[in-house]
Amino acid sequence: MPEHDRLLMNLDADVASSTTTVFTHLARHVRAGDLLYFDEFQHGEHRVLIDCVSQHGWTVEPVAVSTSHAKWLFEVISVPGGAR
């Protein structure tokens, strides 16, 4: 992946295991300030985010949520090592 100022990960895999696979391959590229967008957050993707944040030591904060609470946008606030 090329160096980036801000990465937007659109996590639209529809299955928690597929979202986990995406995080497995892209986690090393995530930096503070990057955005994580989930289109179906109530279908197991919330558990994937919790597990990934725990595994990689990220701090994330919600930025926006749809009125149905299905779509969520998070910003990565910090990653170990203070990248960015």
Protein backbone atom coordinates (compact mmCIF):
# COMPACT_ATOMS: atom_id res chain seq x y z
CA MET A 1 0.00 0.00 0.00
CA PRO A 2 1.41 3.43 -0.84
CA GLU A 3 2.10 5.93 1.93
CA HIS A 4 -1.03 7.93 2.70
CA ASP A 5 -2.11 11.06 4.53
CA ARG A 6 -5.45 9.59 5.55
CA LEU A 7 -6.82 6.16 4.86
CA LEU A 8 -10.56 5.51 4.63
CA MET A 9 -11.39 1.84 5.10
CA ASN A 10 -14.89 1.09 3.80
CA LEU A 11 -15.70 -2.16 5.59
CA ASP A 12 -18.58 -3.57 3.56
CA ALA A 13 -17.84 -7.29 3.76
CA ASP A 14 -21.27 -8.23 5.23
CA VAL A 15 -19.76 -11.14 7.17
CA ALA A 16 -17.73 -10.74 10.35
CA SER A 17 -15.09 -13.24 9.24
CA SER A 18 -14.49 -11.28 6.04
CA THR A 19 -14.15 -8.05 7.99
CA THR A 20 -11.59 -9.79 10.20
CA THR A 21 -9.66 -10.80 7.08
CA VAL A 22 -9.59 -7.19 5.87
CA PHE A 23 -8.25 -6.00 9.22
CA THR A 24 -5.67 -8.79 9.26
CA HIS A 25 -4.23 -7.62 5.95
CA LEU A 26 -4.53 -3.84 6.43
CA ALA A 27 -3.94 -3.35 10.18
CA ARG A 28 -0.23 -2.61 9.78
CA HIS A 29 -1.11 0.33 7.50
CA VAL A 30 -3.56 1.98 9.91
CA ARG A 31 -2.37 5.27 11.42
CA ALA A 32 -3.85 7.85 13.76
CA GLY A 33 -6.31 9.97 11.80
CA ASP A 34 -7.47 7.14 9.54
CA LEU A 35 -11.20 6.44 9.23
CA LEU A 36 -13.07 3.15 9.55
CA TYR A 37 -16.54 3.01 7.96
CA PHE A 38 -18.91 0.13 8.72
CA ASP A 39 -22.10 -0.18 6.69
CA GLU A 40 -23.73 -2.88 8.84
CA PHE A 41 -22.22 -2.40 12.27
CA GLN A 42 -24.89 -4.40 14.10
CA HIS A 43 -24.16 -7.64 12.21
CA GLY A 44 -21.06 -8.79 14.07
CA GLU A 45 -18.79 -6.04 12.80
CA HIS A 46 -18.90 -4.38 16.24
CA ARG A 47 -17.28 -7.49 17.75
CA VAL A 48 -14.63 -7.47 15.02
CA LEU A 49 -13.79 -3.83 15.75
CA ILE A 50 -13.56 -4.49 19.50
CA ASP A 51 -11.27 -7.47 18.89
CA CYS A 52 -9.09 -5.58 16.42
CA VAL A 53 -8.75 -2.54 18.68
CA SER A 54 -7.75 -4.83 21.54
CA GLN A 55 -5.32 -6.86 19.43
CA HIS A 56 -3.55 -3.85 17.88
CA GLY A 57 -3.80 -1.41 20.78
CA TRP A 58 -5.67 1.23 18.80
CA THR A 59 -7.83 3.95 20.28
CA VAL A 60 -10.88 4.78 18.15
CA GLU A 61 -13.74 7.23 18.55
CA PRO A 62 -17.07 7.36 16.75
CA VAL A 63 -17.36 10.29 14.36
CA ALA A 64 -20.82 9.67 12.88
CA VAL A 65 -23.68 7.20 13.05
CA SER A 66 -26.79 6.81 10.91
CA THR A 67 -30.22 7.26 12.46
CA SER A 68 -30.78 3.50 12.15
CA HIS A 69 -27.49 2.86 14.00
CA ALA A 70 -26.45 0.51 11.19
CA LYS A 71 -23.75 2.69 9.62
CA TRP A 72 -20.86 3.94 11.75
CA LEU A 73 -17.74 5.98 11.04
CA PHE A 74 -14.82 5.81 13.47
CA GLU A 75 -11.58 7.75 13.58
CA VAL A 76 -8.40 6.08 14.75
CA ILE A 77 -7.12 8.38 17.50
CA SER A 78 -3.92 6.55 18.35
CA VAL A 79 -1.90 3.47 17.49
CA PRO A 80 1.04 1.97 19.41
CA GLY A 81 4.25 3.75 18.59
CA GLY A 82 2.45 7.03 17.90
CA ALA A 83 2.42 6.66 14.09
CA ARG A 84 1.39 9.91 12.36
